[in-house]
Amino acid sequence: MTDLICAGLTTLDILVRPVDALPDAQQPTLVEEIALAPAGTASGTAMVAATLGLEAAVISAVGKDVNGDITLSLLEKTGVDCTHIERLDELPTSTSVLTIRSDGERPVFHMLGASILTSLSTQAVEAAKQSRFFHFGGVGFPNLSTAEAIAAIADIRASGTFTSCDIIAPQPETLDVLRPLLRNIDCFMPSEAEVHVLLGETSPEDALKTFVGMGARACIIKRGDKGSIGFYENEIVEVPAKKITPVDTTSCGDSYCAGFIDGLSRGLSFREAMIAATETAAQVAQGAGTLGALKKRDRSNER
């Protein structure tokens, strides 16, 4: 049985740091680091989870191009199972260029690509039903927002798999997809910025109760340097952020999700899993790319 299967966005990140201002067109500028890393709500979460010692797999799509070759190679090197990543002719591999500032923030240039065409094949759904955890990061993707896809996620949860959900670049109409979806989600984990897009300027407490009211069993809002706040079994749970000097905050949201799932997989309580998630995100933020400064964990003695 696989520990975790993540479905949704896979992108190849090209990171440059530090970049606090764009240089003159005729003047080369030296930087400290340029790196390549698979990322996204599916592959970023799976890479972090695999580094934490979970057996992780991805349901997604990349193009039949060099960027796709690199993405799959780097995922497999980390130990992620790529069996359910399709290679498509229609679009190139989703790719982002991130100019990382000295404070860790990161303006992004993103090219939509094959990942947006991800679908839930029969084989992928059966694999997810055999997994302990299923993390869904494809809200709004055309093939993952259908009634059939939501029914498949309901089947995955009905099999006993714990289901979680994250979003990326939501629009107000994303709520129309979330309403039927959240009834099949054990924990919804948006960022505070995403919550404001969906619900407007509402308090975190009210937002948590709104999403749980839509059907999610629990909800956590990731708040960056303000920590995180969750709602589970009618109780508000707050966890402060770790005090660190960030290098790159690109993958903090995905790493938080992976850390939370890892915590639950080790039998931690909801609050304890939130603390573990915070620690994971803090380690990632102290280095560049999807894994940052995260240390590899060997869990073979736990199995």
Protein backbone atom coordinates (compact mmCIF):
# COMPACT_ATOMS: atom_id res chain seq x y z
CA MET A 1 0.00 0.00 0.00
CA THR A 2 1.34 3.44 -0.99
CA ASP A 3 1.38 6.03 1.79
CA LEU A 4 0.38 9.02 -0.34
CA ILE A 5 -0.82 9.77 -3.87
CA CYS A 6 -0.99 13.41 -4.98
CA ALA A 7 -3.07 14.53 -7.97
CA GLY A 8 -2.89 17.88 -9.75
CA LEU A 9 -0.26 20.41 -10.71
CA THR A 10 3.23 19.41 -11.78
CA THR A 11 5.54 22.15 -12.95
CA LEU A 12 9.27 22.52 -13.46
CA ASP A 13 10.56 25.50 -11.46
CA ILE A 14 13.62 27.44 -12.61
CA LEU A 15 14.78 29.44 -9.59
CA VAL A 16 17.17 32.38 -9.60
CA ARG A 17 18.34 34.03 -6.38
CA PRO A 18 18.72 36.63 -5.17
CA VAL A 19 16.93 38.97 -7.56
CA ASP A 20 15.79 42.20 -5.91
CA ALA A 21 15.56 44.19 -9.15
CA LEU A 22 15.67 43.39 -12.84
CA PRO A 23 19.05 44.27 -14.36
CA ASP A 24 19.65 46.58 -17.28
CA ALA A 25 19.14 44.72 -20.54
CA GLN A 26 22.79 45.17 -21.56
CA GLN A 27 24.39 44.43 -18.18
CA PRO A 28 24.82 40.81 -16.97
CA THR A 29 24.19 40.34 -13.25
CA LEU A 30 25.84 37.68 -11.12
CA VAL A 31 23.58 35.69 -8.78
CA GLU A 32 24.28 33.14 -6.06
CA GLU A 33 22.15 30.28 -7.31
CA ILE A 34 20.15 28.98 -10.26
CA ALA A 35 18.31 25.71 -9.65
CA LEU A 36 15.77 23.36 -11.25
CA ALA A 37 13.07 21.64 -9.19
CA PRO A 38 9.77 19.86 -9.85
CA ALA A 39 7.04 21.66 -7.97
CA GLY A 40 3.28 22.14 -7.74
CA THR A 41 0.37 20.99 -5.61
CA ALA A 42 0.96 17.40 -6.71
CA SER A 43 4.67 16.95 -7.38
CA GLY A 44 5.92 19.47 -4.83
CA THR A 45 3.88 17.84 -2.08
CA ALA A 46 4.96 14.35 -3.15
CA MET A 47 8.66 15.28 -3.26
CA VAL A 48 8.57 16.67 0.27
CA ALA A 49 6.59 13.66 1.51
CA ALA A 50 9.10 11.26 -0.09
CA THR A 51 11.96 13.14 1.57
CA LEU A 52 10.15 12.74 4.89
CA GLY A 53 10.16 8.98 4.28
CA LEU A 54 6.68 8.37 2.88
CA GLU A 55 6.08 6.19 -0.17
CA ALA A 56 4.64 8.83 -2.50
CA ALA A 57 3.24 8.81 -6.03
CA VAL A 58 1.87 11.45 -8.40
CA ILE A 59 -1.13 11.61 -10.75
CA SER A 60 -0.39 14.37 -13.24
CA ALA A 61 0.83 15.11 -16.77
CA VAL A 62 3.93 16.52 -18.45
CA GLY A 63 4.79 17.20 -22.06
CA LYS A 64 6.92 15.08 -24.37
CA ASP A 65 9.76 17.58 -24.15
CA VAL A 66 13.10 18.13 -22.43
CA ASN A 67 11.44 19.84 -19.45
CA GLY A 68 9.28 16.76 -19.02
CA ASP A 69 12.36 14.53 -19.12
CA ILE A 70 14.03 16.65 -16.43
CA THR A 71 10.91 16.76 -14.25
CA LEU A 72 10.44 12.99 -14.25
CA SER A 73 14.15 12.37 -13.68
CA LEU A 74 14.26 14.65 -10.65
CA LEU A 75 11.04 13.20 -9.19
CA GLU A 76 12.30 9.65 -9.56
CA LYS A 77 15.65 10.63 -8.04
CA THR A 78 13.75 11.79 -4.95
CA GLY A 79 11.91 8.47 -4.77
CA VAL A 80 8.54 9.58 -6.13
CA ASP A 81 6.56 6.99 -8.12
CA CYS A 82 5.78 8.50 -11.55
CA THR A 83 3.71 5.59 -12.90
CA HIS A 84 0.58 7.75 -13.19
CA ILE A 85 2.20 10.82 -14.77
CA GLU A 86 1.06 10.94 -18.40
CA ARG A 87 3.22 12.31 -21.21
CA LEU A 88 1.11 14.37 -23.59
CA ASP A 89 1.65 15.77 -27.09
CA GLU A 90 -0.90 18.57 -26.77
CA LEU A 91 1.08 20.95 -24.55
CA PRO A 92 4.64 21.40 -23.25
CA THR A 93 5.52 20.71 -19.63
CA SER A 94 4.22 23.36 -17.22
CA THR A 95 7.19 25.56 -16.33
CA SER A 96 7.78 28.49 -13.99
CA VAL A 97 10.63 30.99 -13.64
CA LEU A 98 10.93 32.37 -10.12
CA THR A 99 13.09 35.34 -9.21
CA ILE A 100 13.70 34.87 -5.49
CA ARG A 101 14.19 38.10 -3.53
CA SER A 102 16.54 38.47 -0.59
CA ASP A 103 13.57 38.23 1.81
CA GLY A 104 12.46 34.89 0.34
CA GLU A 105 9.48 36.22 -1.60
CA ARG A 106 9.25 35.13 -5.22
CA PRO A 107 7.65 36.85 -8.22
CA VAL A 108 6.65 34.12 -10.68
CA PHE A 109 6.50 33.82 -14.45
CA HIS A 110 4.37 30.75 -15.21
CA MET A 111 3.65 28.95 -18.46
CA LEU A 112 0.53 26.78 -18.42
CA GLY A 113 1.26 23.37 -19.81
CA ALA A 114 0.33 19.70 -19.94
CA SER A 115 -0.36 19.46 -16.21
CA ILE A 116 -3.65 21.30 -16.65
CA LEU A 117 -4.90 18.32 -18.70
CA THR A 118 -4.40 15.86 -15.82
CA SER A 119 -7.19 13.31 -15.51
CA LEU A 120 -8.10 10.53 -13.09
CA SER A 121 -7.71 7.31 -15.04
CA THR A 122 -9.30 4.10 -13.80
CA GLN A 123 -5.86 2.77 -12.91
CA ALA A 124 -4.94 5.94 -11.00
CA VAL A 125 -8.20 5.88 -9.03
CA GLU A 126 -7.67 2.23 -8.10
CA ALA A 127 -4.14 3.05 -6.92
CA ALA A 128 -5.47 5.95 -4.83
CA LYS A 129 -8.04 3.66 -3.24
CA GLN A 130 -5.16 1.47 -2.05
CA SER A 131 -3.25 4.45 -0.63
CA ARG A 132 -3.43 5.66 2.97
CA PHE A 133 -3.66 9.32 1.89
CA PHE A 134 -4.87 11.07 -1.26
CA HIS A 135 -3.95 14.74 -1.73
CA PHE A 136 -5.93 16.61 -4.39
CA GLY A 137 -4.37 19.71 -5.93
CA GLY A 138 -6.25 19.96 -9.21
CA VAL A 139 -9.19 22.21 -8.32
CA GLY A 140 -10.23 24.05 -11.48
CA PHE A 141 -8.40 21.75 -13.90
CA PRO A 142 -10.91 20.91 -16.67
CA ASN A 143 -10.66 17.11 -16.36
CA LEU A 144 -10.57 17.18 -12.55
CA SER A 145 -13.57 19.46 -11.98
CA THR A 146 -16.24 17.27 -13.57
CA ALA A 147 -18.98 15.36 -11.79
CA GLU A 148 -17.18 12.16 -12.77
CA ALA A 149 -13.91 13.30 -11.18
CA ILE A 150 -15.65 14.32 -7.96
CA ALA A 151 -17.44 10.97 -7.89
CA ALA A 152 -14.05 9.26 -8.25
CA ILE A 153 -12.71 11.24 -5.28
CA ALA A 154 -15.80 10.19 -3.31
CA ASP A 155 -15.00 6.56 -4.14
CA ILE A 156 -11.40 7.05 -3.03
CA ARG A 157 -12.54 8.40 0.32
CA ALA A 158 -15.17 5.67 0.71
CA SER A 159 -12.39 3.10 0.41
CA GLY A 160 -10.95 4.40 3.69
CA THR A 161 -8.28 6.70 2.21
CA PHE A 162 -7.78 10.02 4.01
CA THR A 163 -8.43 12.82 1.52
CA SER A 164 -6.89 16.30 1.65
CA CYS A 165 -7.13 19.22 -0.75
CA ASP A 166 -5.11 22.31 -1.67
CA ILE A 167 -5.72 24.93 -4.37
CA ILE A 168 -3.65 27.23 -6.55
CA ALA A 169 -4.55 30.51 -8.25
CA PRO A 170 -8.28 30.33 -7.40
CA GLN A 171 -10.94 32.59 -8.85
CA PRO A 172 -14.25 33.50 -7.14
CA GLU A 173 -15.98 30.90 -9.34
CA THR A 174 -13.69 28.23 -7.85
CA LEU A 175 -16.28 28.00 -5.07
CA ASP A 176 -18.63 26.31 -7.56
CA VAL A 177 -16.12 23.44 -7.82
CA LEU A 178 -15.35 23.37 -4.10
CA ARG A 179 -18.95 23.05 -2.93
CA PRO A 180 -19.49 19.48 -4.21
CA LEU A 181 -15.82 18.56 -3.74
CA LEU A 182 -15.44 19.46 -0.06
CA ARG A 183 -18.11 16.95 0.92
CA ASN A 184 -15.50 14.32 0.05
CA ILE A 185 -12.48 15.97 1.73
CA ASP A 186 -11.16 15.19 5.20
CA CYS A 187 -8.95 18.29 5.39
CA PHE A 188 -8.98 21.37 3.15
CA MET A 189 -5.75 23.41 3.34
CA PRO A 190 -5.87 26.75 1.47
CA SER A 191 -3.61 29.74 2.10
CA GLU A 192 -4.93 32.94 3.64
CA ALA A 193 -4.49 34.79 0.33
CA GLU A 194 -6.53 32.12 -1.46
CA VAL A 195 -9.25 32.36 1.18
CA HIS A 196 -9.55 36.10 0.55
CA VAL A 197 -10.01 35.47 -3.18
CA LEU A 198 -12.75 32.94 -2.47
CA LEU A 199 -14.59 34.61 0.41
CA GLY A 200 -13.41 38.22 0.51
CA GLU A 201 -12.04 39.89 3.63
CA THR A 202 -13.37 37.51 6.26
CA SER A 203 -11.80 36.42 9.52
CA PRO A 204 -9.85 33.13 9.56
CA GLU A 205 -12.27 31.71 12.11
CA ASP A 206 -15.30 32.50 9.94
CA ALA A 207 -13.55 31.15 6.84
CA LEU A 208 -12.74 27.87 8.58
CA LYS A 209 -16.35 27.42 9.65
CA THR A 210 -17.55 28.29 6.14
CA PHE A 211 -15.46 25.56 4.51
CA VAL A 212 -16.38 23.00 7.16
CA GLY A 213 -19.98 24.05 6.66
CA MET A 214 -19.59 23.17 2.97
CA GLY A 215 -18.76 19.62 3.99
CA ALA A 216 -15.03 19.38 4.71
CA ARG A 217 -14.37 17.36 7.86
CA ALA A 218 -11.60 19.78 8.86
CA CYS A 219 -9.87 22.86 7.49
CA ILE A 220 -6.49 24.52 7.95
CA ILE A 221 -5.60 27.99 6.70
CA LYS A 222 -1.88 28.53 6.04
CA ARG A 223 -0.93 32.08 7.07
CA GLY A 224 2.77 32.38 6.25
CA ASP A 225 4.73 34.13 8.97
CA LYS A 226 1.53 34.28 11.06
CA GLY A 227 1.48 30.51 11.36
CA SER A 228 -1.60 28.42 10.69
CA ILE A 229 -5.09 28.05 12.09
CA GLY A 230 -7.30 24.99 11.88
CA PHE A 231 -10.80 23.84 12.72
CA TYR A 232 -11.35 20.21 13.66
CA GLU A 233 -14.09 18.55 15.69
CA ASN A 234 -15.60 21.93 16.48
CA GLU A 235 -12.35 23.29 17.94
CA ILE A 236 -10.13 26.13 16.68
CA VAL A 237 -6.44 25.18 16.71
CA GLU A 238 -3.69 27.79 16.25
CA VAL A 239 0.00 27.09 15.67
CA PRO A 240 2.57 29.91 15.41
CA ALA A 241 5.17 30.05 12.66
CA LYS A 242 8.79 29.13 13.35
CA LYS A 243 11.12 32.11 13.63
CA ILE A 244 13.55 31.67 10.74
CA THR A 245 15.45 33.67 8.15
CA PRO A 246 13.77 32.57 4.91
CA VAL A 247 15.74 31.91 1.74
CA ASP A 248 12.89 30.84 -0.56
CA THR A 249 9.19 30.58 0.36
CA THR A 250 8.15 29.06 -2.98
CA SER A 251 7.15 25.61 -1.72
CA CYS A 252 6.09 26.41 1.82
CA GLY A 253 2.41 25.71 1.18
CA ASP A 254 3.01 22.34 -0.48
CA SER A 255 5.58 21.37 2.17
CA TYR A 256 3.10 22.27 4.92
CA CYS A 257 0.56 19.89 3.36
CA ALA A 258 3.18 17.14 3.10
CA GLY A 259 4.32 17.69 6.68
CA PHE A 260 0.74 17.56 7.97
CA ILE A 261 0.04 14.30 6.13
CA ASP A 262 3.33 12.87 7.38
CA GLY A 263 2.36 13.79 10.93
CA LEU A 264 -0.99 12.02 10.64
CA SER A 265 0.75 8.99 9.12
CA ARG A 266 2.87 8.77 12.28
CA GLY A 267 -0.21 8.79 14.49
CA LEU A 268 0.05 12.40 15.65
CA SER A 269 -3.03 14.35 16.74
CA PHE A 270 -4.47 17.11 14.56
CA ARG A 271 -2.61 19.80 16.53
CA GLU A 272 0.62 17.80 16.60
CA ALA A 273 0.39 17.24 12.84
CA MET A 274 -0.02 21.01 12.35
CA ILE A 275 3.14 21.55 14.41
CA ALA A 276 4.99 18.95 12.31
CA ALA A 277 3.75 20.70 9.16
CA THR A 278 5.05 24.03 10.45
CA GLU A 279 8.47 22.52 11.14
CA THR A 280 8.60 20.97 7.66
CA ALA A 281 7.69 24.26 5.95
CA ALA A 282 10.30 26.11 8.03
CA GLN A 283 13.04 23.71 6.96
CA VAL A 284 12.04 24.03 3.31
CA ALA A 285 11.99 27.84 3.50
CA GLN A 286 15.61 27.92 4.66
CA GLY A 287 16.92 26.70 1.31
CA ALA A 288 16.12 27.14 -2.38
CA GLY A 289 13.65 25.06 -4.33
CA THR A 290 11.00 22.50 -3.49
CA LEU A 291 13.04 20.72 -0.81
CA GLY A 292 14.97 23.73 0.49
CA ALA A 293 16.97 22.69 3.55
CA LEU A 294 14.74 19.71 4.37
CA LYS A 295 16.67 16.73 5.69
CA LYS A 296 16.06 13.23 4.32
CA ARG A 297 14.36 10.97 6.84
CA ASP A 298 14.75 7.18 6.91
CA ARG A 299 11.55 5.54 8.14
CA SER A 300 12.37 1.97 7.17
CA ASN A 301 12.58 0.98 10.84
CA GLU A 302 9.01 2.27 11.36
CA ARG A 303 7.42 -0.05 8.77
